[in-house]
N, C-alpha and C. Protein backbone atom coordinates (compact mmCIF):
# COMPACT_ATOMS: atom_id res chain seq x y z
N UNK A 1 94.01 143.37 86.15
CA UNK A 1 94.27 142.51 87.28
C UNK A 1 93.15 141.48 87.39
N UNK A 2 93.54 140.21 87.56
CA UNK A 2 92.57 139.12 87.66
C UNK A 2 91.90 139.12 89.03
N UNK A 3 90.63 138.82 89.03
CA UNK A 3 89.89 138.71 90.29
C UNK A 3 90.10 137.32 90.83
N UNK A 4 90.54 137.20 92.08
CA UNK A 4 90.77 135.87 92.65
C UNK A 4 89.46 135.09 92.77
N UNK A 5 89.53 133.82 92.42
CA UNK A 5 88.36 132.95 92.52
C UNK A 5 88.29 132.42 93.95
N UNK A 6 87.15 132.62 94.57
CA UNK A 6 86.98 132.11 95.93
C UNK A 6 86.41 130.70 95.85
N UNK A 7 87.04 129.82 96.57
CA UNK A 7 86.59 128.45 96.60
C UNK A 7 85.40 128.35 97.55
N UNK A 8 84.33 127.68 97.10
CA UNK A 8 83.16 127.51 97.95
C UNK A 8 83.48 126.50 99.05
N UNK A 9 82.93 126.75 100.22
CA UNK A 9 83.15 125.85 101.34
C UNK A 9 82.51 124.49 101.04
N UNK A 10 83.26 123.44 101.30
CA UNK A 10 82.77 122.09 101.05
C UNK A 10 81.63 121.75 101.99
N UNK A 11 80.63 121.10 101.44
CA UNK A 11 79.48 120.67 102.23
C UNK A 11 79.48 119.16 102.35
N UNK A 12 80.62 118.60 102.64
CA UNK A 12 80.76 117.17 102.83
C UNK A 12 81.98 116.94 103.71
N UNK A 13 82.05 115.76 104.29
CA UNK A 13 83.16 115.40 105.18
C UNK A 13 83.66 114.03 104.77
N UNK A 14 84.76 113.99 104.02
CA UNK A 14 85.30 112.73 103.52
C UNK A 14 85.61 111.74 104.65
N UNK A 15 85.91 112.25 105.84
CA UNK A 15 86.25 111.35 106.94
C UNK A 15 85.03 110.57 107.43
N UNK A 16 83.84 110.98 106.99
CA UNK A 16 82.61 110.28 107.37
C UNK A 16 82.10 109.35 106.27
N UNK A 17 82.88 109.22 105.20
CA UNK A 17 82.47 108.44 104.04
C UNK A 17 83.37 107.20 103.92
N UNK A 18 82.83 106.09 103.42
CA UNK A 18 83.64 104.88 103.27
C UNK A 18 84.50 104.85 102.01
N UNK A 19 84.66 105.98 101.36
CA UNK A 19 85.49 106.02 100.15
C UNK A 19 84.71 105.58 98.92
N UNK A 20 83.47 106.03 98.81
CA UNK A 20 82.67 105.67 97.64
C UNK A 20 83.39 106.02 96.34
N UNK A 21 83.92 107.23 96.24
CA UNK A 21 84.54 107.65 94.98
C UNK A 21 85.72 106.75 94.62
N UNK A 22 86.40 106.21 95.61
CA UNK A 22 87.54 105.32 95.36
C UNK A 22 87.09 103.91 94.97
N UNK A 23 85.83 103.60 95.24
CA UNK A 23 85.31 102.28 94.95
C UNK A 23 84.40 102.25 93.73
N UNK A 24 83.53 103.22 93.62
CA UNK A 24 82.53 103.22 92.56
C UNK A 24 83.13 103.48 91.19
N UNK A 25 84.05 104.44 91.10
CA UNK A 25 84.64 104.77 89.81
C UNK A 25 85.73 103.76 89.45
N UNK A 26 85.39 102.83 88.57
CA UNK A 26 86.33 101.77 88.21
C UNK A 26 87.44 102.26 87.29
N UNK A 27 87.18 103.36 86.58
CA UNK A 27 88.16 103.88 85.64
C UNK A 27 88.66 105.22 86.15
N UNK A 28 89.87 105.21 86.70
CA UNK A 28 90.50 106.45 87.17
C UNK A 28 91.69 106.69 86.24
N UNK A 29 91.45 107.55 85.24
CA UNK A 29 92.50 107.83 84.26
C UNK A 29 93.63 108.64 84.89
N UNK A 30 94.84 108.31 84.48
CA UNK A 30 96.01 109.04 84.96
C UNK A 30 96.81 109.56 83.77
N UNK A 31 97.44 110.69 83.98
CA UNK A 31 98.27 111.31 82.95
C UNK A 31 99.73 110.95 83.20
N UNK A 32 100.58 111.32 82.26
CA UNK A 32 102.02 111.11 82.46
C UNK A 32 102.50 111.88 83.69
N UNK A 33 101.95 113.06 83.89
CA UNK A 33 102.30 113.87 85.06
C UNK A 33 101.90 113.16 86.36
N UNK A 34 100.72 112.52 86.35
CA UNK A 34 100.27 111.77 87.53
C UNK A 34 101.21 110.60 87.82
N UNK A 35 101.60 109.90 86.77
CA UNK A 35 102.51 108.75 86.93
C UNK A 35 103.87 109.22 87.45
N UNK A 36 104.36 110.33 86.94
CA UNK A 36 105.63 110.89 87.41
C UNK A 36 105.53 111.26 88.89
N UNK A 37 104.39 111.84 89.29
CA UNK A 37 104.18 112.20 90.70
C UNK A 37 104.17 110.95 91.57
N UNK A 38 103.54 109.88 91.11
CA UNK A 38 103.54 108.62 91.85
C UNK A 38 104.96 108.08 91.98
N UNK A 39 105.72 108.16 90.88
CA UNK A 39 107.11 107.71 90.92
C UNK A 39 107.92 108.47 91.95
N UNK A 40 107.79 109.78 91.97
CA UNK A 40 108.51 110.59 92.97
C UNK A 40 108.08 110.21 94.38
N UNK A 41 106.79 110.00 94.56
CA UNK A 41 106.26 109.65 95.88
C UNK A 41 106.89 108.35 96.41
N UNK A 42 107.05 107.39 95.52
CA UNK A 42 107.59 106.08 95.92
C UNK A 42 109.08 105.95 95.66
N UNK A 43 109.72 107.00 95.11
CA UNK A 43 111.15 106.96 94.86
C UNK A 43 111.54 106.01 93.75
N UNK A 44 110.68 105.91 92.73
CA UNK A 44 110.97 105.02 91.60
C UNK A 44 110.79 105.81 90.30
N UNK A 45 111.32 105.26 89.22
CA UNK A 45 111.20 105.90 87.90
C UNK A 45 109.74 105.87 87.44
N UNK A 46 109.36 106.87 86.66
CA UNK A 46 107.98 106.89 86.14
C UNK A 46 107.61 105.60 85.39
N UNK A 47 108.55 105.03 84.65
CA UNK A 47 108.27 103.80 83.91
C UNK A 47 107.90 102.67 84.87
N UNK A 48 108.64 102.58 85.97
CA UNK A 48 108.36 101.54 86.96
C UNK A 48 107.02 101.81 87.65
N UNK A 49 106.74 103.07 87.96
CA UNK A 49 105.46 103.44 88.57
C UNK A 49 104.31 103.08 87.64
N UNK A 50 104.50 103.34 86.37
CA UNK A 50 103.46 103.02 85.38
C UNK A 50 103.16 101.53 85.39
N UNK A 51 104.21 100.69 85.36
CA UNK A 51 104.02 99.24 85.36
C UNK A 51 103.40 98.74 86.65
N UNK A 52 103.85 99.29 87.76
CA UNK A 52 103.43 98.81 89.07
C UNK A 52 102.02 99.26 89.48
N UNK A 53 101.66 100.48 89.12
CA UNK A 53 100.43 101.07 89.65
C UNK A 53 99.31 101.30 88.64
N UNK A 54 99.61 101.16 87.34
CA UNK A 54 98.60 101.47 86.34
C UNK A 54 98.44 100.33 85.34
N UNK A 55 97.40 100.44 84.55
CA UNK A 55 97.23 99.50 83.44
C UNK A 55 96.69 100.28 82.25
N UNK A 56 96.97 99.76 81.08
CA UNK A 56 96.52 100.41 79.85
C UNK A 56 95.20 99.77 79.44
N UNK A 57 94.18 100.61 79.28
CA UNK A 57 92.86 100.17 78.87
C UNK A 57 92.48 100.94 77.62
N UNK A 58 91.36 100.59 77.02
CA UNK A 58 90.92 101.32 75.83
C UNK A 58 90.64 102.78 76.17
N UNK A 59 90.27 103.06 77.44
CA UNK A 59 89.98 104.42 77.87
C UNK A 59 91.25 105.23 78.09
N UNK A 60 92.38 104.56 78.19
CA UNK A 60 93.66 105.21 78.47
C UNK A 60 94.34 104.52 79.64
N UNK A 61 95.34 105.16 80.20
CA UNK A 61 96.06 104.60 81.33
C UNK A 61 95.25 104.87 82.60
N UNK A 62 95.02 103.82 83.39
CA UNK A 62 94.19 103.93 84.60
C UNK A 62 94.92 103.33 85.80
N UNK A 63 94.49 103.74 86.99
CA UNK A 63 95.03 103.14 88.21
C UNK A 63 94.54 101.71 88.34
N UNK A 64 95.39 100.85 88.86
CA UNK A 64 94.99 99.47 89.13
C UNK A 64 94.03 99.45 90.32
N UNK A 65 93.30 98.36 90.42
CA UNK A 65 92.32 98.21 91.49
C UNK A 65 92.63 96.96 92.31
N UNK A 66 91.91 96.82 93.41
CA UNK A 66 92.06 95.64 94.26
C UNK A 66 90.70 95.27 94.82
N UNK A 67 90.60 94.06 95.34
CA UNK A 67 89.36 93.60 95.95
C UNK A 67 89.07 94.44 97.20
N UNK A 68 87.80 94.72 97.41
CA UNK A 68 87.36 95.48 98.57
C UNK A 68 86.20 94.72 99.19
N UNK A 69 86.38 94.15 100.37
CA UNK A 69 85.30 93.36 100.98
C UNK A 69 84.05 94.17 101.30
N UNK A 70 84.18 95.47 101.39
CA UNK A 70 83.03 96.32 101.72
C UNK A 70 82.23 96.72 100.48
N UNK A 71 82.91 97.17 99.43
CA UNK A 71 82.21 97.69 98.25
C UNK A 71 82.57 96.96 96.94
N UNK A 72 83.21 95.81 97.03
CA UNK A 72 83.51 95.01 95.84
C UNK A 72 84.91 95.16 95.31
N UNK A 73 85.25 96.36 94.85
CA UNK A 73 86.61 96.65 94.41
C UNK A 73 86.88 98.11 94.68
N UNK A 74 88.16 98.45 94.70
CA UNK A 74 88.54 99.83 95.03
C UNK A 74 89.88 100.16 94.40
N UNK A 75 90.19 101.43 94.41
CA UNK A 75 91.50 101.89 93.98
C UNK A 75 92.56 101.17 94.82
N UNK A 76 93.64 100.80 94.19
CA UNK A 76 94.69 100.06 94.91
C UNK A 76 95.29 100.89 96.04
N UNK A 77 95.08 102.19 96.04
CA UNK A 77 95.66 103.05 97.07
C UNK A 77 94.69 103.37 98.21
N UNK A 78 93.51 102.78 98.21
CA UNK A 78 92.58 103.00 99.31
C UNK A 78 92.94 102.05 100.44
N UNK A 79 93.15 102.60 101.63
CA UNK A 79 93.39 101.77 102.81
C UNK A 79 92.04 101.17 103.21
N UNK A 80 91.92 99.86 103.17
CA UNK A 80 90.64 99.21 103.39
C UNK A 80 90.17 99.25 104.84
N UNK A 81 91.07 99.56 105.76
CA UNK A 81 90.66 99.68 107.17
C UNK A 81 90.22 101.10 107.50
N UNK A 82 91.02 102.08 107.13
CA UNK A 82 90.70 103.48 107.45
C UNK A 82 89.78 104.12 106.43
N UNK A 83 89.70 103.51 105.21
CA UNK A 83 88.92 104.03 104.09
C UNK A 83 89.45 105.38 103.63
N UNK A 84 90.76 105.58 103.74
CA UNK A 84 91.41 106.82 103.32
C UNK A 84 92.46 106.51 102.26
N UNK A 85 92.80 107.54 101.49
CA UNK A 85 93.80 107.43 100.44
C UNK A 85 95.19 107.34 101.06
N UNK A 86 95.96 106.36 100.60
CA UNK A 86 97.32 106.19 101.13
C UNK A 86 98.35 107.04 100.38
N UNK A 87 97.93 107.67 99.30
CA UNK A 87 98.84 108.51 98.52
C UNK A 87 98.26 109.91 98.37
N UNK A 88 97.56 110.39 99.36
CA UNK A 88 96.80 111.63 99.24
C UNK A 88 97.61 112.77 98.62
N UNK A 89 98.83 112.98 99.06
CA UNK A 89 99.66 114.07 98.52
C UNK A 89 100.10 113.79 97.08
N UNK A 90 100.10 112.55 96.66
CA UNK A 90 100.54 112.19 95.31
C UNK A 90 99.38 111.72 94.43
N UNK A 91 98.16 111.91 94.88
CA UNK A 91 96.99 111.41 94.13
C UNK A 91 96.88 112.08 92.76
N UNK A 92 96.24 111.40 91.80
CA UNK A 92 96.09 111.94 90.45
C UNK A 92 95.23 113.22 90.43
N UNK A 93 95.39 113.99 89.38
CA UNK A 93 94.64 115.25 89.23
C UNK A 93 93.14 115.03 89.28
N UNK A 94 92.66 113.95 88.67
CA UNK A 94 91.22 113.71 88.66
C UNK A 94 90.70 113.53 90.09
N UNK A 95 91.47 112.94 90.95
CA UNK A 95 91.08 112.78 92.36
C UNK A 95 91.17 114.11 93.10
N UNK A 96 92.16 114.90 92.76
CA UNK A 96 92.33 116.21 93.40
C UNK A 96 91.14 117.13 93.11
N UNK A 97 90.53 116.96 91.97
CA UNK A 97 89.44 117.83 91.57
C UNK A 97 88.06 117.31 91.92
N UNK A 98 87.99 116.21 92.67
CA UNK A 98 86.69 115.61 92.97
C UNK A 98 86.26 115.95 94.39
N UNK A 99 85.00 116.27 94.59
CA UNK A 99 84.01 116.59 93.56
C UNK A 99 84.26 117.99 93.02
N UNK A 100 83.81 118.26 91.81
CA UNK A 100 84.11 119.56 91.19
C UNK A 100 83.25 120.71 91.72
N UNK A 101 82.34 120.41 92.62
CA UNK A 101 81.47 121.43 93.22
C UNK A 101 81.57 121.31 94.73
N UNK A 102 80.89 122.17 95.46
CA UNK A 102 81.01 122.17 96.92
C UNK A 102 80.22 121.05 97.59
N UNK A 103 79.47 120.28 96.81
CA UNK A 103 78.71 119.16 97.37
C UNK A 103 79.24 117.85 96.79
N UNK A 104 79.06 116.77 97.52
CA UNK A 104 79.41 115.44 97.04
C UNK A 104 78.13 114.61 97.06
N UNK A 105 77.73 114.13 95.92
CA UNK A 105 76.49 113.35 95.81
C UNK A 105 76.55 112.09 96.66
N UNK A 106 77.70 111.44 96.70
CA UNK A 106 77.84 110.24 97.52
C UNK A 106 77.60 110.56 98.99
N UNK A 107 78.21 111.63 99.46
CA UNK A 107 78.07 112.04 100.87
C UNK A 107 76.62 112.42 101.16
N UNK A 108 75.98 113.17 100.26
CA UNK A 108 74.59 113.55 100.46
C UNK A 108 73.70 112.31 100.56
N UNK A 109 73.93 111.33 99.68
CA UNK A 109 73.14 110.10 99.69
C UNK A 109 73.36 109.32 100.99
N UNK A 110 74.59 109.24 101.42
CA UNK A 110 74.92 108.55 102.67
C UNK A 110 74.20 109.21 103.84
N UNK A 111 74.27 110.52 103.93
CA UNK A 111 73.63 111.24 105.03
C UNK A 111 72.10 111.10 104.96
N UNK A 112 71.53 111.14 103.75
CA UNK A 112 70.09 110.97 103.60
C UNK A 112 69.66 109.61 104.15
N UNK A 113 70.34 108.54 103.75
CA UNK A 113 69.98 107.20 104.20
C UNK A 113 70.16 107.04 105.70
N UNK A 114 71.20 107.62 106.23
CA UNK A 114 71.42 107.52 107.68
C UNK A 114 70.32 108.24 108.46
N UNK A 115 69.91 109.40 107.97
CA UNK A 115 68.80 110.12 108.62
C UNK A 115 67.49 109.35 108.47
N UNK A 116 67.23 108.89 107.25
CA UNK A 116 65.99 108.19 106.95
C UNK A 116 65.85 106.91 107.79
N UNK A 117 66.93 106.17 107.93
CA UNK A 117 66.90 104.91 108.68
C UNK A 117 67.19 105.11 110.17
N UNK A 118 67.50 106.35 110.54
CA UNK A 118 67.87 106.67 111.92
C UNK A 118 68.96 105.72 112.41
N UNK A 119 69.98 105.57 111.55
CA UNK A 119 71.09 104.66 111.83
C UNK A 119 72.38 105.26 111.28
N UNK A 120 73.24 105.72 112.16
CA UNK A 120 74.50 106.35 111.74
C UNK A 120 75.52 105.36 111.19
N UNK A 121 75.24 104.07 111.29
CA UNK A 121 76.17 103.05 110.81
C UNK A 121 75.77 102.45 109.46
N UNK A 122 74.58 102.78 108.97
CA UNK A 122 74.11 102.17 107.73
C UNK A 122 75.00 102.58 106.56
N UNK A 123 75.20 101.64 105.65
CA UNK A 123 76.05 101.89 104.49
C UNK A 123 75.31 101.47 103.23
N UNK A 124 74.73 102.43 102.51
CA UNK A 124 74.08 102.07 101.24
C UNK A 124 75.14 101.62 100.24
N UNK A 125 74.87 100.54 99.53
CA UNK A 125 75.81 100.04 98.54
C UNK A 125 75.49 100.68 97.20
N UNK A 126 76.53 101.20 96.57
CA UNK A 126 76.38 101.88 95.28
C UNK A 126 77.24 101.15 94.27
N UNK A 127 76.69 100.93 93.10
CA UNK A 127 77.48 100.38 92.01
C UNK A 127 77.27 101.24 90.78
N UNK A 128 78.23 101.20 89.89
CA UNK A 128 78.11 101.92 88.62
C UNK A 128 78.11 100.86 87.52
N UNK A 129 77.00 100.20 87.38
CA UNK A 129 76.85 99.17 86.36
C UNK A 129 75.86 99.65 85.31
N UNK A 130 76.04 99.17 84.11
CA UNK A 130 75.11 99.52 83.05
C UNK A 130 73.76 98.87 83.33
N UNK A 131 72.71 99.65 83.19
CA UNK A 131 71.37 99.15 83.43
C UNK A 131 70.52 99.46 82.23
N UNK A 132 69.90 98.45 81.69
CA UNK A 132 69.02 98.67 80.54
C UNK A 132 67.61 98.27 80.94
N UNK A 133 66.73 99.19 80.75
CA UNK A 133 65.33 98.95 81.11
C UNK A 133 64.65 98.22 79.97
N UNK A 134 63.98 97.14 80.32
CA UNK A 134 63.19 96.43 79.32
C UNK A 134 61.90 97.19 79.10
N UNK A 135 61.66 97.61 77.90
CA UNK A 135 60.44 98.38 77.61
C UNK A 135 59.37 97.52 77.02
C-alpha cells in the first residue's frame, strides 16, 4: 500500500502578489494536453486554441504574451487590473505546479522589501534578462 504524500502548507499568498510569475517568465511552455484544456475552456477546437493562444518558438509551443504597464509584459491570461489568472481552472500544468515547493521566492522577496522599506505598497521590479559581468 502506497503512503499518501502530504502536501506542505504554502508559505505565500498569491492574492498579495502582483503576478510576478506571470510576468517574469517569458517562456511558458504548453503541451498538447494544455492546449486541449484551453480549447475546452473556451469551447473551441484545440487547433484554434493553439493558433489563438500560443506561438511556436525554438523552445517549443508557448503561451502568447501581452504588454503589461506594471511589469513590462505578461501572460496573455493575466488580468492586468486584478493581477489574477483569468483561466485559473484551465491553466497549463507548468503553472499548476508553481512553485514546486511550499515557498515562493517572488513572494518572499516582495515581503522582504515591504518590511525593509516599511511600505506595504512598494513593488520591486524583477526582470529575467541575461546579465554578463565584465571581468
